Amino acid sequence: MIHTIEVNGIKLYAFHGCMPEEGRIGGHYIVDVRMTTDFSSAAASDELDETIDYVVVNKIVKEEMAIRSKLIEHVGQRIVERIRKEVSNIDTLRLKVTKLSPPINGDVNNVAIIIED
């Protein structure tokens, strides 16, 4: 059986971007993580250690987003690699990093990258 756990709308202020100003001023980001697994055992036992602990996922996202990168592609890849390394029993993983109000020429609400692993 496949089950899904999502940690959505992780709101962060971080300092990613190619422009020097982005490293000094920073900006708002939203991160969404979607993981598929089989949590039948946890559903039956009510034991946290038999499922994905979304507190751990949130912690990984916050720690990796705190490390400055020029590209959200780079920070996104780091998040995926670390979740895969530190969280067991994930069948598929989808990460979306959204940068709100990017400093580009034009009226753009956000830009985002999605990594499906």
PDB file of N, CA and C in Angstrom:
ATOM      1  N   MET A   1       0.840  -1.178   0.000  1.00  0.00           N
ATOM      2  CA  MET A   1       0.000   0.000   0.000  1.00  0.00           C
ATOM      3  C   MET A   1       0.887   1.244   0.000  1.00  0.00           C
ATOM      4  N   ILE A   2       0.458   2.274  -0.684  1.00  0.00           N
ATOM      5  CA  ILE A   2       1.210   3.527  -0.729  1.00  0.00           C
ATOM      6  C   ILE A   2       0.417   4.597   0.008  1.00  0.00           C
ATOM      7  N   HIS A   3       1.106   5.294   0.887  1.00  0.00           N
ATOM      8  CA  HIS A   3       0.532   6.405   1.622  1.00  0.00           C
ATOM      9  C   HIS A   3       1.367   7.646   1.344  1.00  0.00           C
ATOM     10  N   THR A   4       0.777   8.803   1.552  1.00  0.00           N
ATOM     11  CA  THR A   4       1.476  10.063   1.306  1.00  0.00           C
ATOM     12  C   THR A   4       1.517  10.900   2.580  1.00  0.00           C
ATOM     13  N   ILE A   5       2.677  11.475   2.828  1.00  0.00           N
ATOM     14  CA  ILE A   5       2.852  12.444   3.901  1.00  0.00           C
ATOM     15  C   ILE A   5       3.366  13.720   3.251  1.00  0.00           C
ATOM     16  N   GLU A   6       2.704  14.823   3.552  1.00  0.00           N
ATOM     17  CA  GLU A   6       3.118  16.117   3.013  1.00  0.00           C
ATOM     18  C   GLU A   6       3.427  17.079   4.148  1.00  0.00           C
ATOM     19  N   VAL A   7       4.501  17.817   3.971  1.00  0.00           N
ATOM     20  CA  VAL A   7       4.825  18.929   4.858  1.00  0.00           C
ATOM     21  C   VAL A   7       4.806  20.145   3.932  1.00  0.00           C
ATOM     22  N   ASN A   8       3.723  20.901   3.984  1.00  0.00           N
ATOM     23  CA  ASN A   8       3.494  21.983   3.026  1.00  0.00           C
ATOM     24  C   ASN A   8       3.540  23.357   3.679  1.00  0.00           C
ATOM     25  N   GLY A   9       3.962  24.307   2.881  1.00  0.00           N
ATOM     26  CA  GLY A   9       3.925  25.697   3.323  1.00  0.00           C
ATOM     27  C   GLY A   9       4.937  26.040   4.393  1.00  0.00           C
ATOM     28  N   ILE A  10       6.117  25.434   4.333  1.00  0.00           N
ATOM     29  CA  ILE A  10       7.176  25.795   5.274  1.00  0.00           C
ATOM     30  C   ILE A  10       7.651  27.192   4.882  1.00  0.00           C
ATOM     31  N   LYS A  11       7.353  28.169   5.715  1.00  0.00           N
ATOM     32  CA  LYS A  11       7.666  29.570   5.400  1.00  0.00           C
ATOM     33  C   LYS A  11       9.003  29.941   6.018  1.00  0.00           C
ATOM     34  N   LEU A  12       9.871  30.492   5.168  1.00  0.00           N
ATOM     35  CA  LEU A  12      11.226  30.817   5.597  1.00  0.00           C
ATOM     36  C   LEU A  12      11.665  32.152   5.025  1.00  0.00           C
ATOM     37  N   TYR A  13      12.583  32.762   5.694  1.00  0.00           N
ATOM     38  CA  TYR A  13      13.271  33.934   5.165  1.00  0.00           C
ATOM     39  C   TYR A  13      14.709  33.498   4.965  1.00  0.00           C
ATOM     40  N   ALA A  14      15.203  33.632   3.734  1.00  0.00           N
ATOM     41  CA  ALA A  14      16.546  33.137   3.430  1.00  0.00           C
ATOM     42  C   ALA A  14      17.248  34.092   2.475  1.00  0.00           C
ATOM     43  N   PHE A  15      18.498  33.785   2.177  1.00  0.00           N
ATOM     44  CA  PHE A  15      19.362  34.716   1.446  1.00  0.00           C
ATOM     45  C   PHE A  15      19.930  34.111   0.172  1.00  0.00           C
ATOM     46  N   HIS A  16      19.078  33.495  -0.626  1.00  0.00           N
ATOM     47  CA  HIS A  16      19.503  32.864  -1.872  1.00  0.00           C
ATOM     48  C   HIS A  16      19.345  33.832  -3.037  1.00  0.00           C
ATOM     49  N   GLY A  17      20.238  33.707  -3.996  1.00  0.00           N
ATOM     50  CA  GLY A  17      20.133  34.522  -5.202  1.00  0.00           C
ATOM     51  C   GLY A  17      21.496  34.861  -5.747  1.00  0.00           C
ATOM     52  N   CYS A  18      21.524  35.167  -7.035  1.00  0.00           N
ATOM     53  CA  CYS A  18      22.784  35.483  -7.715  1.00  0.00           C
ATOM     54  C   CYS A  18      23.239  36.919  -7.480  1.00  0.00           C
ATOM     55  N   MET A  19      22.299  37.795  -7.178  1.00  0.00           N
ATOM     56  CA  MET A  19      22.650  39.200  -6.984  1.00  0.00           C
ATOM     57  C   MET A  19      23.159  39.432  -5.564  1.00  0.00           C
ATOM     58  N   PRO A  20      24.199  40.255  -5.422  1.00  0.00           N
ATOM     59  CA  PRO A  20      24.737  40.530  -4.083  1.00  0.00           C
ATOM     60  C   PRO A  20      23.675  41.048  -3.105  1.00  0.00           C
ATOM     61  N   GLU A  21      22.727  41.828  -3.619  1.00  0.00           N
ATOM     62  CA  GLU A  21      21.675  42.377  -2.759  1.00  0.00           C
ATOM     63  C   GLU A  21      20.852  41.267  -2.113  1.00  0.00           C
ATOM     64  N   GLU A  22      20.636  40.170  -2.841  1.00  0.00           N
ATOM     65  CA  GLU A  22      19.852  39.059  -2.302  1.00  0.00           C
ATOM     66  C   GLU A  22      20.563  38.412  -1.119  1.00  0.00           C
ATOM     67  N   GLY A  23      21.890  38.446  -1.145  1.00  0.00           N
ATOM     68  CA  GLY A  23      22.661  37.905  -0.036  1.00  0.00           C
ATOM     69  C   GLY A  23      22.618  38.798   1.192  1.00  0.00           C
ATOM     70  N   ARG A  24      22.377  40.083   0.990  1.00  0.00           N
ATOM     71  CA  ARG A  24      22.301  41.015   2.110  1.00  0.00           C
ATOM     72  C   ARG A  24      20.872  41.220   2.601  1.00  0.00           C
ATOM     73  N   ILE A  25      19.933  41.325   1.678  1.00  0.00           N
ATOM     74  CA  ILE A  25      18.545  41.661   2.028  1.00  0.00           C
ATOM     75  C   ILE A  25      17.708  40.415   2.298  1.00  0.00           C
ATOM     76  N   GLY A  26      17.905  39.381   1.486  1.00  0.00           N
ATOM     77  CA  GLY A  26      17.140  38.148   1.643  1.00  0.00           C
ATOM     78  C   GLY A  26      15.749  38.243   1.055  1.00  0.00           C
ATOM     79  N   GLY A  27      14.978  37.191   1.240  1.00  0.00           N
ATOM     80  CA  GLY A  27      13.627  37.150   0.697  1.00  0.00           C
ATOM     81  C   GLY A  27      12.818  36.025   1.314  1.00  0.00           C
ATOM     82  N   HIS A  28      11.550  36.021   0.971  1.00  0.00           N
ATOM     83  CA  HIS A  28      10.615  35.024   1.501  1.00  0.00           C
ATOM     84  C   HIS A  28      10.542  33.804   0.582  1.00  0.00           C
ATOM     85  N   TYR A  29      10.465  32.628   1.209  1.00  0.00           N
ATOM     86  CA  TYR A  29      10.397  31.360   0.496  1.00  0.00           C
ATOM     87  C   TYR A  29       9.333  30.486   1.123  1.00  0.00           C
ATOM     88  N   ILE A  30       8.792  29.587   0.309  1.00  0.00           N
ATOM     89  CA  ILE A  30       7.878  28.555   0.793  1.00  0.00           C
ATOM     90  C   ILE A  30       8.381  27.224   0.245  1.00  0.00           C
ATOM     91  N   VAL A  31       8.464  26.228   1.112  1.00  0.00           N
ATOM     92  CA  VAL A  31       8.933  24.907   0.711  1.00  0.00           C
ATOM     93  C   VAL A  31       7.836  23.891   1.006  1.00  0.00           C
ATOM     94  N   ASP A  32       7.570  23.022   0.028  1.00  0.00           N
ATOM     95  CA  ASP A  32       6.613  21.935   0.165  1.00  0.00           C
ATOM     96  C   ASP A  32       7.341  20.615  -0.078  1.00  0.00           C
ATOM     97  N   VAL A  33       7.078  19.631   0.787  1.00  0.00           N
ATOM     98  CA  VAL A  33       7.699  18.320   0.661  1.00  0.00           C
ATOM     99  C   VAL A  33       6.586  17.280   0.634  1.00  0.00           C
ATOM    100  N   ARG A  34       6.637  16.401  -0.360  1.00  0.00           N
ATOM    101  CA  ARG A  34       5.655  15.312  -0.493  1.00  0.00           C
ATOM    102  C   ARG A  34       6.414  13.998  -0.550  1.00  0.00           C
ATOM    103  N   MET A  35       6.059  13.072   0.336  1.00  0.00           N
ATOM    104  CA  MET A  35       6.745  11.787   0.397  1.00  0.00           C
ATOM    105  C   MET A  35       5.719  10.670   0.358  1.00  0.00           C
ATOM    106  N   THR A  36       5.997   9.636  -0.430  1.00  0.00           N
ATOM    107  CA  THR A  36       5.150   8.453  -0.390  1.00  0.00           C
ATOM    108  C   THR A  36       5.895   7.356   0.357  1.00  0.00           C
ATOM    109  N   THR A  37       5.111   6.542   1.045  1.00  0.00           N
ATOM    110  CA  THR A  37       5.658   5.495   1.900  1.00  0.00           C
ATOM    111  C   THR A  37       4.542   4.495   2.176  1.00  0.00           C
ATOM    112  N   ASP A  38       4.818   3.558   3.006  1.00  0.00           N
ATOM    113  CA  ASP A  38       3.777   2.661   3.507  1.00  0.00           C
ATOM    114  C   ASP A  38       3.758   2.818   5.021  1.00  0.00           C
ATOM    115  N   PHE A  39       2.766   3.536   5.529  1.00  0.00           N
ATOM    116  CA  PHE A  39       2.698   3.716   6.977  1.00  0.00           C
ATOM    117  C   PHE A  39       1.598   2.872   7.624  1.00  0.00           C
ATOM    118  N   SER A  40       1.322   1.716   7.028  1.00  0.00           N
ATOM    119  CA  SER A  40       0.320   0.797   7.587  1.00  0.00           C
ATOM    120  C   SER A  40       0.650   0.393   9.021  1.00  0.00           C
ATOM    121  N   SER A  41       1.925   0.103   9.277  1.00  0.00           N
ATOM    122  CA  SER A  41       2.326  -0.296  10.630  1.00  0.00           C
ATOM    123  C   SER A  41       2.066   0.817  11.633  1.00  0.00           C
ATOM    124  N   ALA A  42       2.425   2.029  11.274  1.00  0.00           N
ATOM    125  CA  ALA A  42       2.209   3.165  12.175  1.00  0.00           C
ATOM    126  C   ALA A  42       0.727   3.423  12.393  1.00  0.00           C
ATOM    127  N   ALA A  43      -0.066   3.252  11.344  1.00  0.00           N
ATOM    128  CA  ALA A  43      -1.511   3.453  11.468  1.00  0.00           C
ATOM    129  C   ALA A  43      -2.119   2.447  12.440  1.00  0.00           C
ATOM    130  N   ALA A  44      -1.560   1.236  12.452  1.00  0.00           N
ATOM    131  CA  ALA A  44      -2.071   0.194  13.351  1.00  0.00           C
ATOM    132  C   ALA A  44      -1.523   0.347  14.770  1.00  0.00           C
ATOM    133  N   SER A  45      -0.249   0.727  14.885  1.00  0.00           N
ATOM    134  CA  SER A  45       0.405   0.739  16.200  1.00  0.00           C
ATOM    135  C   SER A  45       0.358   2.078  16.918  1.00  0.00           C
ATOM    136  N   ASP A  46       0.169   3.158  16.147  1.00  0.00           N
ATOM    137  CA  ASP A  46       0.190   4.514  16.704  1.00  0.00           C
ATOM    138  C   ASP A  46       1.584   4.882  17.226  1.00  0.00           C
ATOM    139  N   GLU A  47       2.622   4.340  16.575  1.00  0.00           N
ATOM    140  CA  GLU A  47       3.999   4.592  16.978  1.00  0.00           C
ATOM    141  C   GLU A  47       4.712   5.451  15.932  1.00  0.00           C
ATOM    142  N   LEU A  48       5.293   6.555  16.384  1.00  0.00           N
ATOM    143  CA  LEU A  48       5.969   7.494  15.498  1.00  0.00           C
ATOM    144  C   LEU A  48       7.154   6.869  14.769  1.00  0.00           C
ATOM    145  N   ASP A  49       7.878   5.977  15.430  1.00  0.00           N
ATOM    146  CA  ASP A  49       9.074   5.412  14.802  1.00  0.00           C
ATOM    147  C   ASP A  49       8.756   4.460  13.646  1.00  0.00           C
ATOM    148  N   GLU A  50       7.486   4.242  13.365  1.00  0.00           N
ATOM    149  CA  GLU A  50       7.096   3.391  12.242  1.00  0.00           C
ATOM    150  C   GLU A  50       6.585   4.199  11.045  1.00  0.00           C
ATOM    151  N   THR A  51       6.829   5.498  11.068  1.00  0.00           N
ATOM    152  CA  THR A  51       6.422   6.350   9.965  1.00  0.00           C
ATOM    153  C   THR A  51       7.476   7.432   9.755  1.00  0.00           C
ATOM    154  N   ILE A  52       7.219   8.346   8.858  1.00  0.00           N
ATOM    155  CA  ILE A  52       8.121   9.468   8.593  1.00  0.00           C
ATOM    156  C   ILE A  52       7.802  10.574   9.602  1.00  0.00           C
ATOM    157  N   ASP A  53       8.811  11.010  10.322  1.00  0.00           N
ATOM    158  CA  ASP A  53       8.645  12.083  11.303  1.00  0.00           C
ATOM    159  C   ASP A  53       8.761  13.419  10.576  1.00  0.00           C
ATOM    160  N   TYR A  54       7.638  14.103  10.415  1.00  0.00           N
ATOM    161  CA  TYR A  54       7.666  15.358   9.660  1.00  0.00           C
ATOM    162  C   TYR A  54       8.354  16.479  10.413  1.00  0.00           C
ATOM    163  N   VAL A  55       8.572  16.320  11.719  1.00  0.00           N
ATOM    164  CA  VAL A  55       9.364  17.288  12.468  1.00  0.00           C
ATOM    165  C   VAL A  55      10.813  17.248  11.973  1.00  0.00           C
ATOM    166  N   VAL A  56      11.317  16.059  11.692  1.00  0.00           N
ATOM    167  CA  VAL A  56      12.671  15.897  11.162  1.00  0.00           C
ATOM    168  C   VAL A  56      12.763  16.516   9.764  1.00  0.00           C
ATOM    169  N   VAL A  57      11.762  16.284   8.936  1.00  0.00           N
ATOM    170  CA  VAL A  57      11.745  16.847   7.580  1.00  0.00           C
ATOM    171  C   VAL A  57      11.773  18.374   7.646  1.00  0.00           C
ATOM    172  N   ASN A  58      10.944  18.960   8.499  1.00  0.00           N
ATOM    173  CA  ASN A  58      10.908  20.412   8.655  1.00  0.00           C
ATOM    174  C   ASN A  58      12.255  20.950   9.120  1.00  0.00           C
ATOM    175  N   LYS A  59      12.898  20.255  10.043  1.00  0.00           N
ATOM    176  CA  LYS A  59      14.207  20.671  10.559  1.00  0.00           C
ATOM    177  C   LYS A  59      15.258  20.671   9.450  1.00  0.00           C
ATOM    178  N   ILE A  60      15.259  19.631   8.633  1.00  0.00           N
ATOM    179  CA  ILE A  60      16.213  19.548   7.518  1.00  0.00           C
ATOM    180  C   ILE A  60      16.008  20.716   6.564  1.00  0.00           C
ATOM    181  N   VAL A  61      14.761  20.973   6.204  1.00  0.00           N
ATOM    182  CA  VAL A  61      14.465  22.085   5.288  1.00  0.00           C
ATOM    183  C   VAL A  61      14.971  23.398   5.869  1.00  0.00           C
ATOM    184  N   LYS A  62      14.669  23.673   7.120  1.00  0.00           N
ATOM    185  CA  LYS A  62      15.084  24.928   7.752  1.00  0.00           C
ATOM    186  C   LYS A  62      16.607  25.059   7.793  1.00  0.00           C
ATOM    187  N   GLU A  63      17.290  23.988   8.136  1.00  0.00           N
ATOM    188  CA  GLU A  63      18.754  24.042   8.218  1.00  0.00           C
ATOM    189  C   GLU A  63      19.393  24.256   6.855  1.00  0.00           C
ATOM    190  N   GLU A  64      18.912  23.565   5.838  1.00  0.00           N
ATOM    191  CA  GLU A  64      19.492  23.720   4.495  1.00  0.00           C
ATOM    192  C   GLU A  64      19.151  25.076   3.877  1.00  0.00           C
ATOM    193  N   MET A  65      17.950  25.567   4.135  1.00  0.00           N
ATOM    194  CA  MET A  65      17.575  26.885   3.604  1.00  0.00           C
ATOM    195  C   MET A  65      18.384  28.002   4.266  1.00  0.00           C
ATOM    196  N   ALA A  66      18.940  27.758   5.442  1.00  0.00           N
ATOM    197  CA  ALA A  66      19.752  28.763   6.134  1.00  0.00           C
ATOM    198  C   ALA A  66      21.148  28.900   5.537  1.00  0.00           C
ATOM    199  N   ILE A  67      21.539  27.954   4.679  1.00  0.00           N
ATOM    200  CA  ILE A  67      22.850  27.993   4.026  1.00  0.00           C
ATOM    201  C   ILE A  67      22.692  28.700   2.686  1.00  0.00           C
ATOM    202  N   ARG A  68      23.361  29.827   2.529  1.00  0.00           N
ATOM    203  CA  ARG A  68      23.206  30.635   1.319  1.00  0.00           C
ATOM    204  C   ARG A  68      23.630  29.872   0.065  1.00  0.00           C
ATOM    205  N   SER A  69      22.812  29.997  -0.964  1.00  0.00           N
ATOM    206  CA  SER A  69      23.107  29.456  -2.289  1.00  0.00           C
ATOM    207  C   SER A  69      22.758  30.515  -3.317  1.00  0.00           C
ATOM    208  N   LYS A  70      23.440  30.492  -4.436  1.00  0.00           N
ATOM    209  CA  LYS A  70      23.067  31.396  -5.523  1.00  0.00           C
ATOM    210  C   LYS A  70      21.769  30.934  -6.164  1.00  0.00           C
ATOM    211  N   LEU A  71      21.588  29.621  -6.259  1.00  0.00           N
ATOM    212  CA  LEU A  71      20.436  29.072  -6.978  1.00  0.00           C
ATOM    213  C   LEU A  71      19.541  28.256  -6.050  1.00  0.00           C
ATOM    214  N   ILE A  72      18.224  28.424  -6.228  1.00  0.00           N
ATOM    215  CA  ILE A  72      17.306  27.587  -5.447  1.00  0.00           C
ATOM    216  C   ILE A  72      17.381  26.140  -5.934  1.00  0.00           C
ATOM    217  N   GLU A  73      17.851  25.931  -7.138  1.00  0.00           N
ATOM    218  CA  GLU A  73      18.077  24.582  -7.629  1.00  0.00           C
ATOM    219  C   GLU A  73      19.102  23.862  -6.749  1.00  0.00           C
ATOM    220  N   HIS A  74      20.128  24.601  -6.348  1.00  0.00           N
ATOM    221  CA  HIS A  74      21.194  24.035  -5.532  1.00  0.00           C
ATOM    222  C   HIS A  74      20.696  23.699  -4.128  1.00  0.00           C
ATOM    223  N   VAL A  75      20.025  24.636  -3.494  1.00  0.00           N
ATOM    224  CA  VAL A  75      19.514  24.373  -2.145  1.00  0.00           C
ATOM    225  C   VAL A  75      18.464  23.261  -2.176  1.00  0.00           C
ATOM    226  N   GLY A  76      17.655  23.223  -3.228  1.00  0.00           N
ATOM    227  CA  GLY A  76      16.665  22.161  -3.367  1.00  0.00           C
ATOM    228  C   GLY A  76      17.309  20.789  -3.449  1.00  0.00           C
ATOM    229  N   GLN A  77      18.367  20.681  -4.211  1.00  0.00           N
ATOM    230  CA  GLN A  77      19.072  19.399  -4.332  1.00  0.00           C
ATOM    231  C   GLN A  77      19.682  18.976  -3.005  1.00  0.00           C
ATOM    232  N   ARG A  78      20.224  19.929  -2.274  1.00  0.00           N
ATOM    233  CA  ARG A  78      20.773  19.612  -0.951  1.00  0.00           C
ATOM    234  C   ARG A  78      19.692  19.089  -0.014  1.00  0.00           C
ATOM    235  N   ILE A  79      18.527  19.711  -0.048  1.00  0.00           N
ATOM    236  CA  ILE A  79      17.421  19.267   0.809  1.00  0.00           C
ATOM    237  C   ILE A  79      17.022  17.834   0.465  1.00  0.00           C
ATOM    238  N   VAL A  80      16.856  17.552  -0.825  1.00  0.00           N
ATOM    239  CA  VAL A  80      16.474  16.202  -1.261  1.00  0.00           C
ATOM    240  C   VAL A  80      17.508  15.180  -0.809  1.00  0.00           C
ATOM    241  N   GLU A  81      18.777  15.469  -1.035  1.00  0.00           N
ATOM    242  CA  GLU A  81      19.840  14.530  -0.661  1.00  0.00           C
ATOM    243  C   GLU A  81      19.854  14.281   0.843  1.00  0.00           C
ATOM    244  N   ARG A  82      19.654  15.324   1.613  1.00  0.00           N
ATOM    245  CA  ARG A  82      19.696  15.154   3.068  1.00  0.00           C
ATOM    246  C   ARG A  82      18.472  14.400   3.579  1.00  0.00           C
ATOM    247  N   ILE A  83      17.292  14.682   3.038  1.00  0.00           N
ATOM    248  CA  ILE A  83      16.102  13.932   3.449  1.00  0.00           C
ATOM    249  C   ILE A  83      16.295  12.458   3.120  1.00  0.00           C
ATOM    250  N   ARG A  84      16.784  12.165   1.926  1.00  0.00           N
ATOM    251  CA  ARG A  84      17.018  10.766   1.539  1.00  0.00           C
ATOM    252  C   ARG A  84      18.008  10.083   2.479  1.00  0.00           C
ATOM    253  N   LYS A  85      19.007  10.831   2.932  1.00  0.00           N
ATOM    254  CA  LYS A  85      20.036  10.267   3.801  1.00  0.00           C
ATOM    255  C   LYS A  85      19.527  10.043   5.224  1.00  0.00           C
ATOM    256  N   GLU A  86      18.707  10.957   5.731  1.00  0.00           N
ATOM    257  CA  GLU A  86      18.351  10.943   7.151  1.00  0.00           C
ATOM    258  C   GLU A  86      16.962  10.393   7.467  1.00  0.00           C
ATOM    259  N   VAL A  87      16.124  10.230   6.460  1.00  0.00           N
ATOM    260  CA  VAL A  87      14.761   9.755   6.696  1.00  0.00           C
ATOM    261  C   VAL A  87      14.583   8.436   5.950  1.00  0.00           C
ATOM    262  N   SER A  88      14.183   7.399   6.669  1.00  0.00           N
ATOM    263  CA  SER A  88      14.042   6.089   6.036  1.00  0.00           C
ATOM    264  C   SER A  88      12.613   5.852   5.573  1.00  0.00           C
ATOM    265  N   ASN A  89      12.464   4.840   4.778  1.00  0.00           N
ATOM    266  CA  ASN A  89      11.157   4.360   4.300  1.00  0.00           C
ATOM    267  C   ASN A  89      10.433   5.305   3.357  1.00  0.00           C
ATOM    268  N   ILE A  90      11.169   6.139   2.637  1.00  0.00           N
ATOM    269  CA  ILE A  90      10.549   7.003   1.633  1.00  0.00           C
ATOM    270  C   ILE A  90      10.633   6.296   0.286  1.00  0.00           C
ATOM    271  N   ASP A  91       9.490   6.113  -0.357  1.00  0.00           N
ATOM    272  CA  ASP A  91       9.476   5.523  -1.696  1.00  0.00           C
ATOM    273  C   ASP A  91       9.736   6.596  -2.747  1.00  0.00           C
ATOM    274  N   THR A  92       8.943   7.652  -2.743  1.00  0.00           N
ATOM    275  CA  THR A  92       9.172   8.769  -3.659  1.00  0.00           C
ATOM    276  C   THR A  92       9.183  10.054  -2.863  1.00  0.00           C
ATOM    277  N   LEU A  93       9.873  11.038  -3.411  1.00  0.00           N
ATOM    278  CA  LEU A  93      10.035  12.330  -2.746  1.00  0.00           C
ATOM    279  C   LEU A  93       9.853  13.424  -3.779  1.00  0.00           C
ATOM    280  N   ARG A  94       9.038  14.427  -3.431  1.00  0.00           N
ATOM    281  CA  ARG A  94       8.834  15.593  -4.300  1.00  0.00           C
ATOM    282  C   ARG A  94       9.060  16.835  -3.460  1.00  0.00           C
ATOM    283  N   LEU A  95       9.938  17.705  -3.923  1.00  0.00           N
ATOM    284  CA  LEU A  95      10.263  18.935  -3.217  1.00  0.00           C
ATOM    285  C   LEU A  95       9.971  20.120  -4.118  1.00  0.00           C
ATOM    286  N   LYS A  96       9.318  21.113  -3.567  1.00  0.00           N
ATOM    287  CA  LYS A  96       9.079  22.361  -4.298  1.00  0.00           C
ATOM    288  C   LYS A  96       9.596  23.509  -3.449  1.00  0.00           C
ATOM    289  N   VAL A  97      10.491  24.312  -4.028  1.00  0.00           N
ATOM    290  CA  VAL A  97      11.007  25.507  -3.381  1.00  0.00           C
ATOM    291  C   VAL A  97      10.489  26.696  -4.176  1.00  0.00           C
ATOM    292  N   THR A  98       9.738  27.564  -3.505  1.00  0.00           N
ATOM    293  CA  THR A  98       9.150  28.737  -4.138  1.00  0.00           C
ATOM    294  C   THR A  98       9.791  29.992  -3.573  1.00  0.00           C
ATOM    295  N   LYS A  99      10.268  30.841  -4.475  1.00  0.00           N
ATOM    296  CA  LYS A  99      10.841  32.132  -4.096  1.00  0.00           C
ATOM    297  C   LYS A  99       9.791  33.193  -4.394  1.00  0.00           C
ATOM    298  N   LEU A 100       9.327  33.875  -3.348  1.00  0.00           N
ATOM    299  CA  LEU A 100       8.284  34.876  -3.510  1.00  0.00           C
ATOM    300  C   LEU A 100       8.888  36.212  -3.945  1.00  0.00           C
ATOM    301  N   SER A 101       8.178  36.921  -4.803  1.00  0.00           N
ATOM    302  CA  SER A 101       8.591  38.247  -5.282  1.00  0.00           C
ATOM    303  C   SER A 101      10.050  38.292  -5.722  1.00  0.00           C
ATOM    304  N   PRO A 102      10.427  37.472  -6.708  1.00  0.00           N
ATOM    305  CA  PRO A 102      11.822  37.459  -7.151  1.00  0.00           C
ATOM    306  C   PRO A 102      12.191  38.787  -7.812  1.00  0.00           C
ATOM    307  N   PRO A 103      13.444  39.226  -7.631  1.00  0.00           N
ATOM    308  CA  PRO A 103      13.872  40.498  -8.215  1.00  0.00           C
ATOM    309  C   PRO A 103      14.217  40.350  -9.697  1.00  0.00           C
ATOM    310  N   ILE A 104      13.188  40.179 -10.512  1.00  0.00           N
ATOM    311  CA  ILE A 104      13.394  40.085 -11.958  1.00  0.00           C
ATOM    312  C   ILE A 104      12.577  41.178 -12.618  1.00  0.00           C
ATOM    313  N   ASN A 105      12.922  41.495 -13.832  1.00  0.00           N
ATOM    314  CA  ASN A 105      12.196  42.545 -14.555  1.00  0.00           C
ATOM    315  C   ASN A 105      10.823  42.031 -14.954  1.00  0.00           C
ATOM    316  N   GLY A 106       9.806  42.489 -14.239  1.00  0.00           N
ATOM    317  CA  GLY A 106       8.454  42.063 -14.530  1.00  0.00           C
ATOM    318  C   GLY A 106       7.658  41.879 -13.257  1.00  0.00           C
ATOM    319  N   ASP A 107       6.354  41.809 -13.414  1.00  0.00           N
ATOM    320  CA  ASP A 107       5.444  41.626 -12.289  1.00  0.00           C
ATOM    321  C   ASP A 107       5.215  40.133 -12.113  1.00  0.00           C
ATOM    322  N   VAL A 108       6.019  39.506 -11.238  1.00  0.00           N
ATOM    323  CA  VAL A 108       5.990  38.065 -11.049  1.00  0.00           C
ATOM    324  C   VAL A 108       5.764  37.767  -9.561  1.00  0.00           C
ATOM    325  N   ASN A 109       4.749  36.965  -9.259  1.00  0.00           N
ATOM    326  CA  ASN A 109       4.482  36.608  -7.866  1.00  0.00           C
ATOM    327  C   ASN A 109       5.576  35.734  -7.278  1.00  0.00           C
ATOM    328  N   ASN A 110       6.006  34.714  -8.054  1.00  0.00           N
ATOM    329  CA  ASN A 110       7.011  33.797  -7.532  1.00  0.00           C
ATOM    330  C   ASN A 110       7.647  33.014  -8.655  1.00  0.00           C
ATOM    331  N   VAL A 111       8.765  32.396  -8.318  1.00  0.00           N
ATOM    332  CA  VAL A 111       9.394  31.395  -9.181  1.00  0.00           C
ATOM    333  C   VAL A 111       9.592  30.160  -8.312  1.00  0.00           C
ATOM    334  N   ALA A 112       9.618  28.995  -8.926  1.00  0.00           N
ATOM    335  CA  ALA A 112       9.736  27.762  -8.146  1.00  0.00           C
ATOM    336  C   ALA A 112      10.517  26.709  -8.915  1.00  0.00           C
ATOM    337  N   ILE A 113      11.137  25.830  -8.147  1.00  0.00           N
ATOM    338  CA  ILE A 113      11.754  24.629  -8.717  1.00  0.00           C
ATOM    339  C   ILE A 113      11.075  23.427  -8.057  1.00  0.00           C
ATOM    340  N   ILE A 114      10.979  22.356  -8.828  1.00  0.00           N
ATOM    341  CA  ILE A 114      10.418  21.123  -8.317  1.00  0.00           C
ATOM    342  C   ILE A 114      11.396  19.999  -8.633  1.00  0.00           C
ATOM    343  N   ILE A 115      11.702  19.214  -7.620  1.00  0.00           N
ATOM    344  CA  ILE A 115      12.553  18.033  -7.793  1.00  0.00           C
ATOM    345  C   ILE A 115      11.728  16.824  -7.397  1.00  0.00           C
ATOM    346  N   GLU A 116      11.622  15.861  -8.302  1.00  0.00           N
ATOM    347  CA  GLU A 116      10.918  14.612  -8.011  1.00  0.00           C
ATOM    348  C   GLU A 116      11.933  13.498  -8.029  1.00  0.00           C
ATOM    349  N   ASP A 117      12.012  12.783  -6.927  1.00  0.00           N
ATOM    350  CA  ASP A 117      13.044  11.754  -6.778  1.00  0.00           C
ATOM    351  C   ASP A 117      12.386  10.459  -6.302  1.00  0.00           C
TER     352      ASP A 117
END
